[in-house]
C-alpha atoms as a PDB file:
ATOM      1  CA  UNK A   1      86.397 116.788 158.664  1.00  0.00           C
ATOM      2  CA  UNK A   2      88.016 113.250 158.455  1.00  0.00           C
ATOM      3  CA  UNK A   3      90.899 115.175 160.347  1.00  0.00           C
ATOM      4  CA  UNK A   4      88.622 116.443 163.035  1.00  0.00           C
ATOM      5  CA  UNK A   5      86.351 113.527 163.490  1.00  0.00           C
ATOM      6  CA  UNK A   6      89.713 111.445 163.942  1.00  0.00           C
ATOM      7  CA  UNK A   7      91.032 113.792 166.917  1.00  0.00           C
ATOM      8  CA  UNK A   8      88.030 114.253 168.755  1.00  0.00           C
ATOM      9  CA  UNK A   9      87.893 110.270 169.228  1.00  0.00           C
ATOM     10  CA  UNK A  10      91.458 109.317 168.673  1.00  0.00           C
ATOM     11  CA  UNK A  11      90.248 106.593 165.851  1.00  0.00           C
ATOM     12  CA  UNK A  12      90.199 106.441 162.186  1.00  0.00           C
ATOM     13  CA  UNK A  13      87.190 106.753 160.208  1.00  0.00           C
ATOM     14  CA  UNK A  14      85.429 103.267 159.356  1.00  0.00           C
ATOM     15  CA  UNK A  15      85.128 101.756 155.581  1.00  0.00           C
ATOM     16  CA  UNK A  16      81.181 102.818 155.477  1.00  0.00           C
ATOM     17  CA  UNK A  17      82.384 107.234 155.978  1.00  0.00           C
ATOM     18  CA  UNK A  18      85.101 107.111 153.780  1.00  0.00           C
ATOM     19  CA  UNK A  19      84.278 108.482 149.889  1.00  0.00           C
ATOM     20  CA  UNK A  20      84.186 105.515 147.313  1.00  0.00           C
ATOM     21  CA  UNK A  21      86.599 105.659 144.617  1.00  0.00           C
ATOM     22  CA  UNK A  22      86.179 103.923 140.856  1.00  0.00           C
ATOM     23  CA  UNK A  23      89.322 102.642 140.167  1.00  0.00           C
ATOM     24  CA  UNK A  24      89.695 102.060 136.475  1.00  0.00           C
ATOM     25  CA  UNK A  25      92.597 100.359 134.960  1.00  0.00           C
ATOM     26  CA  UNK A  26      93.682 100.221 131.525  1.00  0.00           C
ATOM     27  CA  UNK A  27      93.739  96.215 130.099  1.00  0.00           C
ATOM     28  CA  UNK A  28      96.638  95.171 129.011  1.00  0.00           C
ATOM     29  CA  UNK A  29      96.784  93.119 125.671  1.00  0.00           C
ATOM     30  CA  UNK A  30      99.791  90.175 125.453  1.00  0.00           C
ATOM     31  CA  UNK A  31     102.046  91.370 122.007  1.00  0.00           C
ATOM     32  CA  UNK A  32     101.697  87.589 121.622  1.00  0.00           C
ATOM     33  CA  UNK A  33      98.690  87.583 120.981  1.00  0.00           C
ATOM     34  CA  UNK A  34      98.804  89.950 118.017  1.00  0.00           C
ATOM     35  CA  UNK A  35     101.324  87.992 116.719  1.00  0.00           C
ATOM     36  CA  UNK A  36      99.416  84.880 116.518  1.00  0.00           C
ATOM     37  CA  UNK A  37      96.898  87.608 114.571  1.00  0.00           C
ATOM     38  CA  UNK A  38      99.476  87.967 112.309  1.00  0.00           C
ATOM     39  CA  UNK A  39      99.631  85.147 110.023  1.00  0.00           C
ATOM     40  CA  UNK A  40      95.535  85.073 109.777  1.00  0.00           C
ATOM     41  CA  UNK A  41      95.696  89.006 109.198  1.00  0.00           C
ATOM     42  CA  UNK A  42      98.286  88.247 106.463  1.00  0.00           C
ATOM     43  CA  UNK A  43      96.747  86.221 104.740  1.00  0.00           C
ATOM     44  CA  UNK A  44      93.109  88.237 104.853  1.00  0.00           C
ATOM     45  CA  UNK A  45      94.607  90.970 103.440  1.00  0.00           C
ATOM     46  CA  UNK A  46      96.669  89.710 100.619  1.00  0.00           C
ATOM     47  CA  UNK A  47      94.175  87.322  99.488  1.00  0.00           C
ATOM     48  CA  UNK A  48      90.625  88.759 100.707  1.00  0.00           C
ATOM     49  CA  UNK A  49      90.463  92.426 101.000  1.00  0.00           C
ATOM     50  CA  UNK A  50      93.415  93.509  98.387  1.00  0.00           C
ATOM     51  CA  UNK A  51      91.571  91.523  95.564  1.00  0.00           C
ATOM     52  CA  UNK A  52      88.754  93.030  96.843  1.00  0.00           C
ATOM     53  CA  UNK A  53      90.421  96.862  96.168  1.00  0.00           C
ATOM     54  CA  UNK A  54      91.809  96.187  93.006  1.00  0.00           C
ATOM     55  CA  UNK A  55      88.355  94.339  91.763  1.00  0.00           C
ATOM     56  CA  UNK A  56      86.514  97.236  93.043  1.00  0.00           C
ATOM     57  CA  UNK A  57      89.241  99.816  91.127  1.00  0.00           C
ATOM     58  CA  UNK A  58      89.138  97.882  87.897  1.00  0.00           C
ATOM     59  CA  UNK A  59      85.062  97.860  87.504  1.00  0.00           C
ATOM     60  CA  UNK A  60      86.027 101.547  87.057  1.00  0.00           C
ATOM     61  CA  UNK A  61      88.222 101.034  83.612  1.00  0.00           C
ATOM     62  CA  UNK A  62      87.546  99.007  80.240  1.00  0.00           C
ATOM     63  CA  UNK A  63      90.250  96.681  81.366  1.00  0.00           C
ATOM     64  CA  UNK A  64      89.965  92.702  79.551  1.00  0.00           C
ATOM     65  CA  UNK A  65      92.347  90.981  81.905  1.00  0.00           C
ATOM     66  CA  UNK A  66      95.416  92.688  79.921  1.00  0.00           C
ATOM     67  CA  UNK A  67      97.471  95.356  78.519  1.00  0.00           C
ATOM     68  CA  UNK A  68      96.581  98.996  78.732  1.00  0.00           C
ATOM     69  CA  UNK A  69      92.850  99.870  80.015  1.00  0.00           C
ATOM     70  CA  UNK A  70      91.278 103.713  80.423  1.00  0.00           C
ATOM     71  CA  UNK A  71      89.357 104.841  83.451  1.00  0.00           C
ATOM     72  CA  UNK A  72      85.531 105.064  82.451  1.00  0.00           C
ATOM     73  CA  UNK A  73      83.832 105.534  85.994  1.00  0.00           C
ATOM     74  CA  UNK A  74      80.321 104.402  86.377  1.00  0.00           C
ATOM     75  CA  UNK A  75      79.506 103.253  82.281  1.00  0.00           C
ATOM     76  CA  UNK A  76      80.259  99.663  83.174  1.00  0.00           C
ATOM     77  CA  UNK A  77      77.298  99.819  86.131  1.00  0.00           C
ATOM     78  CA  UNK A  78      74.947 102.071  84.133  1.00  0.00           C
ATOM     79  CA  UNK A  79      75.397  99.628  81.281  1.00  0.00           C
ATOM     80  CA  UNK A  80      74.999  96.440  83.518  1.00  0.00           C
ATOM     81  CA  UNK A  81      71.242  97.734  84.679  1.00  0.00           C
ATOM     82  CA  UNK A  82      70.061  97.410  81.029  1.00  0.00           C
ATOM     83  CA  UNK A  83      71.503  94.324  80.700  1.00  0.00           C
ATOM     84  CA  UNK A  84      69.207  91.747  80.419  1.00  0.00           C
ATOM     85  CA  UNK A  85      71.424  89.003  80.726  1.00  0.00           C
ATOM     86  CA  UNK A  86      72.520  90.267  83.943  1.00  0.00           C
ATOM     87  CA  UNK A  87      68.845  91.086  84.843  1.00  0.00           C
ATOM     88  CA  UNK A  88      67.828  87.193  84.015  1.00  0.00           C
ATOM     89  CA  UNK A  89      71.167  85.894  86.045  1.00  0.00           C
ATOM     90  CA  UNK A  90      69.921  87.317  89.007  1.00  0.00           C
ATOM     91  CA  UNK A  91      66.375  86.643  88.816  1.00  0.00           C
ATOM     92  CA  UNK A  92      67.091  83.134  88.501  1.00  0.00           C
ATOM     93  CA  UNK A  93      69.754  83.495  91.094  1.00  0.00           C
ATOM     94  CA  UNK A  94      67.360  84.887  93.840  1.00  0.00           C
ATOM     95  CA  UNK A  95      64.497  82.882  92.582  1.00  0.00           C
ATOM     96  CA  UNK A  96      66.272  79.391  93.152  1.00  0.00           C
ATOM     97  CA  UNK A  97      68.273  80.684  96.304  1.00  0.00           C
ATOM     98  CA  UNK A  98      64.590  81.104  97.678  1.00  0.00           C
ATOM     99  CA  UNK A  99      63.125  77.734  96.359  1.00  0.00           C
ATOM    100  CA  UNK A 100      65.850  75.441  97.454  1.00  0.00           C
ATOM    101  CA  UNK A 101      65.669  76.535 100.937  1.00  0.00           C
ATOM    102  CA  UNK A 102      61.873  76.070 101.094  1.00  0.00           C
ATOM    103  CA  UNK A 103      62.637  72.769  99.948  1.00  0.00           C
ATOM    104  CA  UNK A 104      65.719  72.311 102.121  1.00  0.00           C
ATOM    105  CA  UNK A 105      63.879  73.821 105.275  1.00  0.00           C
ATOM    106  CA  UNK A 106      60.460  71.409 104.971  1.00  0.00           C
ATOM    107  CA  UNK A 107      61.976  68.305 103.926  1.00  0.00           C
ATOM    108  CA  UNK A 108      64.922  68.539 106.192  1.00  0.00           C
ATOM    109  CA  UNK A 109      62.295  69.556 109.141  1.00  0.00           C
ATOM    110  CA  UNK A 110      59.968  66.298 108.466  1.00  0.00           C
ATOM    111  CA  UNK A 111      63.211  63.829 107.700  1.00  0.00           C
ATOM    112  CA  UNK A 112      64.483  65.201 111.161  1.00  0.00           C
ATOM    113  CA  UNK A 113      61.604  64.101 113.181  1.00  0.00           C
ATOM    114  CA  UNK A 114      61.178  60.679 111.648  1.00  0.00           C
ATOM    115  CA  UNK A 115      64.642  60.295 112.215  1.00  0.00           C
ATOM    116  CA  UNK A 116      64.440  61.587 115.756  1.00  0.00           C
ATOM    117  CA  UNK A 117      61.280  59.117 116.381  1.00  0.00           C
ATOM    118  CA  UNK A 118      61.551  55.602 118.039  1.00  0.00           C
ATOM    119  CA  UNK A 119      62.082  53.898 115.265  1.00  0.00           C
ATOM    120  CA  UNK A 120      63.957  50.743 114.454  1.00  0.00           C
ATOM    121  CA  UNK A 121      67.855  51.149 112.481  1.00  0.00           C
ATOM    122  CA  UNK A 122      67.340  54.832 113.487  1.00  0.00           C
ATOM    123  CA  UNK A 123      70.716  55.327 113.536  1.00  0.00           C
ATOM    124  CA  UNK A 124      71.703  53.463 110.670  1.00  0.00           C
ATOM    125  CA  UNK A 125      68.870  55.878 108.783  1.00  0.00           C
ATOM    126  CA  UNK A 126      70.912  58.666 109.622  1.00  0.00           C
ATOM    127  CA  UNK A 127      74.397  57.445 108.318  1.00  0.00           C
ATOM    128  CA  UNK A 128      72.419  57.290 105.047  1.00  0.00           C
ATOM    129  CA  UNK A 129      70.355  60.346 104.826  1.00  0.00           C
ATOM    130  CA  UNK A 130      74.049  61.999 105.475  1.00  0.00           C
ATOM    131  CA  UNK A 131      75.584  60.440 103.040  1.00  0.00           C
ATOM    132  CA  UNK A 132      74.963  63.441 100.443  1.00  0.00           C
ATOM    133  CA  UNK A 133      76.726  65.465 102.334  1.00  0.00           C
ATOM    134  CA  UNK A 134      80.491  64.113 102.361  1.00  0.00           C
ATOM    135  CA  UNK A 135      80.122  63.806  98.034  1.00  0.00           C
ATOM    136  CA  UNK A 136      81.488  66.769  95.707  1.00  0.00           C
ATOM    137  CA  UNK A 137      78.577  68.836  94.195  1.00  0.00           C
ATOM    138  CA  UNK A 138      80.215  69.006  91.047  1.00  0.00           C
ATOM    139  CA  UNK A 139      80.392  64.599  90.822  1.00  0.00           C
ATOM    140  CA  UNK A 140      76.592  64.639  92.523  1.00  0.00           C
ATOM    141  CA  UNK A 141      75.174  67.110  89.103  1.00  0.00           C
ATOM    142  CA  UNK A 142      76.786  64.907  86.508  1.00  0.00           C
ATOM    143  CA  UNK A 143      75.593  61.765  88.229  1.00  0.00           C
ATOM    144  CA  UNK A 144      72.212  63.444  88.252  1.00  0.00           C
ATOM    145  CA  UNK A 145      72.920  64.901  84.727  1.00  0.00           C
ATOM    146  CA  UNK A 146      73.207  61.522  83.513  1.00  0.00           C
ATOM    147  CA  UNK A 147      69.778  59.895  85.133  1.00  0.00           C
ATOM    148  CA  UNK A 148      67.878  63.415  84.024  1.00  0.00           C
ATOM    149  CA  UNK A 149      69.469  62.697  80.382  1.00  0.00           C
ATOM    150  CA  UNK A 150      69.640  59.281  79.931  1.00  0.00           C
ATOM    151  CA  UNK A 151      67.995  56.574  82.797  1.00  0.00           C
ATOM    152  CA  UNK A 152      64.595  58.473  83.432  1.00  0.00           C
ATOM    153  CA  UNK A 153      63.808  58.874  79.822  1.00  0.00           C
ATOM    154  CA  UNK A 154      64.448  55.284  79.195  1.00  0.00           C
ATOM    155  CA  UNK A 155      61.961  54.604  81.567  1.00  0.00           C
ATOM    156  CA  UNK A 156      59.402  56.913  80.555  1.00  0.00           C
ATOM    157  CA  UNK A 157      59.529  55.543  77.240  1.00  0.00           C
ATOM    158  CA  UNK A 158      58.474  52.292  78.896  1.00  0.00           C
ATOM    159  CA  UNK A 159      55.845  53.120  80.807  1.00  0.00           C
ATOM    160  CA  UNK A 160      54.733  55.803  78.460  1.00  0.00           C
ATOM    161  CA  UNK A 161      54.748  58.835  81.030  1.00  0.00           C
ATOM    162  CA  UNK A 162      55.400  61.622  78.350  1.00  0.00           C
ATOM    163  CA  UNK A 163      56.187  64.485  80.291  1.00  0.00           C
ATOM    164  CA  UNK A 164      59.617  63.023  81.302  1.00  0.00           C
ATOM    165  CA  UNK A 165      60.246  61.099  77.392  1.00  0.00           C
ATOM    166  CA  UNK A 166      63.156  63.856  77.370  1.00  0.00           C
ATOM    167  CA  UNK A 167      65.424  65.363  78.996  1.00  0.00           C
ATOM    168  CA  UNK A 168      64.000  67.925  81.513  1.00  0.00           C
ATOM    169  CA  UNK A 169      67.715  69.753  81.620  1.00  0.00           C
ATOM    170  CA  UNK A 170      66.900  70.521  78.083  1.00  0.00           C
ATOM    171  CA  UNK A 171      63.620  72.280  78.911  1.00  0.00           C
ATOM    172  CA  UNK A 172      63.762  76.275  79.630  1.00  0.00           C
ATOM    173  CA  UNK A 173      60.834  76.035  81.989  1.00  0.00           C
ATOM    174  CA  UNK A 174      61.922  72.622  83.761  1.00  0.00           C
ATOM    175  CA  UNK A 175      65.619  72.781  84.067  1.00  0.00           C
ATOM    176  CA  UNK A 176      65.750  74.982  87.098  1.00  0.00           C
ATOM    177  CA  UNK A 177      63.505  72.442  88.979  1.00  0.00           C
ATOM    178  CA  UNK A 178      65.902  69.974  88.316  1.00  0.00           C
ATOM    179  CA  UNK A 179      68.992  72.089  89.784  1.00  0.00           C
ATOM    180  CA  UNK A 180      66.679  72.947  93.018  1.00  0.00           C
ATOM    181  CA  UNK A 181      66.586  69.223  93.670  1.00  0.00           C
ATOM    182  CA  UNK A 182      70.057  68.032  93.081  1.00  0.00           C
ATOM    183  CA  UNK A 183      70.996  71.133  95.294  1.00  0.00           C
ATOM    184  CA  UNK A 184      68.397  69.972  97.837  1.00  0.00           C
ATOM    185  CA  UNK A 185      69.385  66.482  97.871  1.00  0.00           C
ATOM    186  CA  UNK A 186      72.591  67.711  98.788  1.00  0.00           C
ATOM    187  CA  UNK A 187      72.277  70.310 101.274  1.00  0.00           C
ATOM    188  CA  UNK A 188      69.651  68.610 103.085  1.00  0.00           C
ATOM    189  CA  UNK A 189      71.950  66.320 105.691  1.00  0.00           C
ATOM    190  CA  UNK A 190      73.375  70.228 106.996  1.00  0.00           C
ATOM    191  CA  UNK A 191      69.915  71.154 107.596  1.00  0.00           C
ATOM    192  CA  UNK A 192      69.566  67.707 108.972  1.00  0.00           C
ATOM    193  CA  UNK A 193      71.990  67.997 111.731  1.00  0.00           C
ATOM    194  CA  UNK A 194      70.998  71.555 112.834  1.00  0.00           C
ATOM    195  CA  UNK A 195      67.562  70.287 112.764  1.00  0.00           C
ATOM    196  CA  UNK A 196      68.068  66.961 115.116  1.00  0.00           C
ATOM    197  CA  UNK A 197      70.375  68.658 117.297  1.00  0.00           C
ATOM    198  CA  UNK A 198      67.192  71.516 117.799  1.00  0.00           C
ATOM    199  CA  UNK A 199      64.838  68.201 118.488  1.00  0.00           C
ATOM    200  CA  UNK A 200      67.186  66.396 120.661  1.00  0.00           C
ATOM    201  CA  UNK A 201      67.421  69.854 123.211  1.00  0.00           C
ATOM    202  CA  UNK A 202      63.531  69.409 123.324  1.00  0.00           C
ATOM    203  CA  UNK A 203      62.330  67.894 126.977  1.00  0.00           C
ATOM    204  CA  UNK A 204      60.834  64.087 126.189  1.00  0.00           C
ATOM    205  CA  UNK A 205      58.323  65.738 129.611  1.00  0.00           C
ATOM    206  CA  UNK A 206      57.206  68.477 127.577  1.00  0.00           C
ATOM    207  CA  UNK A 207      55.630  65.983 124.745  1.00  0.00           C
ATOM    208  CA  UNK A 208      54.175  63.837 127.358  1.00  0.00           C
ATOM    209  CA  UNK A 209      52.279  66.875 128.923  1.00  0.00           C
ATOM    210  CA  UNK A 210      50.610  68.007 125.803  1.00  0.00           C
ATOM    211  CA  UNK A 211      49.930  63.950 125.090  1.00  0.00           C
ATOM    212  CA  UNK A 212      47.910  63.816 128.431  1.00  0.00           C
ATOM    213  CA  UNK A 213      46.038  66.825 127.316  1.00  0.00           C
ATOM    214  CA  UNK A 214      44.753  65.131 125.012  1.00  0.00           C
ATOM    215  CA  UNK A 215      46.763  66.963 122.142  1.00  0.00           C
ATOM    216  CA  UNK A 216      47.139  65.264 118.661  1.00  0.00           C
ATOM    217  CA  UNK A 217      50.963  64.624 116.794  1.00  0.00           C
ATOM    218  CA  UNK A 218      49.763  67.712 114.508  1.00  0.00           C
ATOM    219  CA  UNK A 219      48.656  69.740 117.372  1.00  0.00           C
ATOM    220  CA  UNK A 220      51.973  69.148 119.148  1.00  0.00           C
ATOM    221  CA  UNK A 221      54.178  70.046 116.247  1.00  0.00           C
ATOM    222  CA  UNK A 222      52.504  73.249 115.479  1.00  0.00           C
ATOM    223  CA  UNK A 223      52.317  74.557 119.253  1.00  0.00           C
ATOM    224  CA  UNK A 224      55.883  72.366 120.532  1.00  0.00           C
ATOM    225  CA  UNK A 225      57.903  71.606 118.008  1.00  0.00           C
ATOM    226  CA  UNK A 226      57.782  74.555 115.790  1.00  0.00           C
ATOM    227  CA  UNK A 227      58.422  77.198 118.515  1.00  0.00           C
ATOM    228  CA  UNK A 228      61.053  75.540 119.775  1.00  0.00           C
ATOM    229  CA  UNK A 229      62.783  75.028 116.572  1.00  0.00           C
ATOM    230  CA  UNK A 230      61.881  78.543 115.324  1.00  0.00           C
ATOM    231  CA  UNK A 231      65.752  79.665 116.006  1.00  0.00           C
ATOM    232  CA  UNK A 232      67.209  76.591 114.326  1.00  0.00           C
ATOM    233  CA  UNK A 233      65.344  77.400 110.945  1.00  0.00           C
ATOM    234  CA  UNK A 234      66.300  81.142 110.724  1.00  0.00           C
ATOM    235  CA  UNK A 235      70.446  79.839 111.169  1.00  0.00           C
ATOM    236  CA  UNK A 236      69.420  77.036 108.931  1.00  0.00           C
ATOM    237  CA  UNK A 237      67.610  79.955 106.031  1.00  0.00           C
ATOM    238  CA  UNK A 238      70.604  81.931 106.799  1.00  0.00           C
ATOM    239  CA  UNK A 239      72.605  79.647 105.711  1.00  0.00           C
ATOM    240  CA  UNK A 240      70.823  78.216 103.132  1.00  0.00           C
ATOM    241  CA  UNK A 241      70.646  81.734 101.661  1.00  0.00           C
ATOM    242  CA  UNK A 242      74.113  82.404 102.077  1.00  0.00           C
ATOM    243  CA  UNK A 243      75.207  79.394  99.919  1.00  0.00           C
ATOM    244  CA  UNK A 244      73.113  79.189  97.482  1.00  0.00           C
ATOM    245  CA  UNK A 245      73.119  82.372  96.032  1.00  0.00           C
ATOM    246  CA  UNK A 246      76.718  81.864  95.275  1.00  0.00           C
ATOM    247  CA  UNK A 247      75.428  78.595  93.294  1.00  0.00           C
ATOM    248  CA  UNK A 248      77.881  77.215  90.988  1.00  0.00           C
ATOM    249  CA  UNK A 249      79.253  73.816  90.830  1.00  0.00           C
ATOM    250  CA  UNK A 250      76.114  72.273  90.736  1.00  0.00           C
ATOM    251  CA  UNK A 251      74.890  74.245  88.044  1.00  0.00           C
ATOM    252  CA  UNK A 252      77.788  73.774  86.296  1.00  0.00           C
ATOM    253  CA  UNK A 253      77.386  70.117  86.305  1.00  0.00           C
ATOM    254  CA  UNK A 254      73.615  69.979  85.217  1.00  0.00           C
ATOM    255  CA  UNK A 255      73.191  72.173  82.896  1.00  0.00           C
ATOM    256  CA  UNK A 256      76.314  74.827  82.264  1.00  0.00           C
ATOM    257  CA  UNK A 257      73.887  77.708  82.754  1.00  0.00           C
ATOM    258  CA  UNK A 258      71.827  76.498  80.118  1.00  0.00           C
ATOM    259  CA  UNK A 259      69.379  75.807  78.004  1.00  0.00           C
ATOM    260  CA  UNK A 260      70.541  79.158  76.497  1.00  0.00           C
ATOM    261  CA  UNK A 261      71.196  81.236  79.087  1.00  0.00           C
ATOM    262  CA  UNK A 262      68.081  80.360  81.329  1.00  0.00           C
ATOM    263  CA  UNK A 263      69.966  78.795  84.343  1.00  0.00           C
ATOM    264  CA  UNK A 264      72.821  80.942  84.558  1.00  0.00           C
ATOM    265  CA  UNK A 265      73.598  81.838  88.311  1.00  0.00           C
ATOM    266  CA  UNK A 266      75.335  85.452  88.906  1.00  0.00           C
ATOM    267  CA  UNK A 267      78.650  83.204  89.615  1.00  0.00           C
ATOM    268  CA  UNK A 268      78.324  81.654  86.569  1.00  0.00           C
ATOM    269  CA  UNK A 269      78.073  84.853  84.901  1.00  0.00           C
ATOM    270  CA  UNK A 270      80.630  86.352  86.355  1.00  0.00           C
ATOM    271  CA  UNK A 271      83.144  83.725  86.568  1.00  0.00           C
ATOM    272  CA  UNK A 272      82.531  83.168  82.463  1.00  0.00           C
ATOM    273  CA  UNK A 273      82.874  87.050  81.777  1.00  0.00           C
ATOM    274  CA  UNK A 274      86.615  86.806  83.146  1.00  0.00           C
ATOM    275  CA  UNK A 275      87.355  84.266  80.663  1.00  0.00           C
ATOM    276  CA  UNK A 276      85.490  86.362  77.458  1.00  0.00           C
ATOM    277  CA  UNK A 277      87.501  90.069  77.480  1.00  0.00           C
ATOM    278  CA  UNK A 278      84.611  91.117  80.624  1.00  0.00           C
ATOM    279  CA  UNK A 279      86.579  91.280  83.026  1.00  0.00           C
ATOM    280  CA  UNK A 280      86.098  95.317  84.197  1.00  0.00           C
ATOM    281  CA  UNK A 281      82.291  94.407  83.319  1.00  0.00           C
ATOM    282  CA  UNK A 282      82.052  91.408  85.400  1.00  0.00           C
ATOM    283  CA  UNK A 283      83.716  93.144  88.461  1.00  0.00           C
ATOM    284  CA  UNK A 284      81.061  95.477  87.934  1.00  0.00           C
ATOM    285  CA  UNK A 285      78.524  92.430  88.718  1.00  0.00           C
ATOM    286  CA  UNK A 286      80.561  91.546  91.229  1.00  0.00           C
ATOM    287  CA  UNK A 287      80.627  94.708  93.128  1.00  0.00           C
ATOM    288  CA  UNK A 288      76.869  95.034  93.099  1.00  0.00           C
ATOM    289  CA  UNK A 289      76.825  91.040  93.966  1.00  0.00           C
ATOM    290  CA  UNK A 290      78.709  92.051  97.008  1.00  0.00           C
ATOM    291  CA  UNK A 291      76.364  94.880  97.754  1.00  0.00           C
ATOM    292  CA  UNK A 292      73.331  92.386  97.643  1.00  0.00           C
ATOM    293  CA  UNK A 293      74.660  89.608  99.196  1.00  0.00           C
ATOM    294  CA  UNK A 294      75.819  92.516 102.290  1.00  0.00           C
ATOM    295  CA  UNK A 295      72.184  93.507 102.366  1.00  0.00           C
ATOM    296  CA  UNK A 296      70.505  90.654 102.405  1.00  0.00           C
ATOM    297  CA  UNK A 297      73.224  89.538 105.402  1.00  0.00           C
ATOM    298  CA  UNK A 298      72.052  92.739 107.188  1.00  0.00           C
ATOM    299  CA  UNK A 299      68.099  91.642 106.913  1.00  0.00           C
ATOM    300  CA  UNK A 300      69.015  88.284 107.865  1.00  0.00           C
ATOM    301  CA  UNK A 301      71.115  89.396 111.043  1.00  0.00           C
ATOM    302  CA  UNK A 302      68.587  92.027 111.728  1.00  0.00           C
ATOM    303  CA  UNK A 303      66.157  88.931 112.640  1.00  0.00           C
ATOM    304  CA  UNK A 304      68.287  86.411 114.421  1.00  0.00           C
ATOM    305  CA  UNK A 305      68.802  89.532 116.796  1.00  0.00           C
ATOM    306  CA  UNK A 306      64.673  89.891 117.180  1.00  0.00           C
ATOM    307  CA  UNK A 307      64.592  86.489 117.711  1.00  0.00           C
ATOM    308  CA  UNK A 308      67.324  85.867 120.229  1.00  0.00           C
ATOM    309  CA  UNK A 309      69.239  83.352 118.089  1.00  0.00           C
ATOM    310  CA  UNK A 310      73.189  83.505 118.265  1.00  0.00           C
ATOM    311  CA  UNK A 311      75.209  81.576 115.854  1.00  0.00           C
END
């Protein structure tokens, strides 16, 4: 058709008369980028992937950490699901993670609101509240261990306050409270930074308009601050759950898993088992803990996607 048109008119067809063709080109990636990835991939494989595969294999054996071993299949997993010590560790770890996330997010949010207000010495106060973040967790744990074991009971004896006259770290029913408080004290600054960033992103004009409409401080908090900070709450929750499920150093410094095994976390149970001849058994525990962590992470990612939050 195009040839007959050219023969009659002596002109070539215009661009609009020509059929459209899609030209697809394969994107070329310079090999230098793969070279940059090689060191990271090598290190990740050697120190993360390979040990994980080896650990999953040993979880199917009766390996004690040295010497010969036999393949026992899923026997370690079967025994683990009936082990009260393992079940107690998971119960404590999950309960501790949930309680600490609630405490950290609640206190972190309200402290952030206070530090974001128009108050004197705001910059200095922010520096004070950020100090726990730069101190090692094990150092903080040993300091609070001394306070809970010596200083607080001494003061309680002087004032006659009986519930604290003995260390709560030696009380099976209250030791977890001390761990939650100390972990929260160490973790609040991280949440505080994220909440301050969220508060600074809220335009001041929004609060001024609400105040002109007669909204009091509580109403502004419920109707403006909380909805606009929802994404930041999700981020802090995700990071908190991830960190608190792997709790180890603060628990070691405060109670070392005691009294008895009432505050043994899953991470402590796994590491302790490695040194007591339960290598394969605790490897099975580590595999289950990995699966639990992945499930929790996937659920959190689903929540993030529904909220439209990007990490």
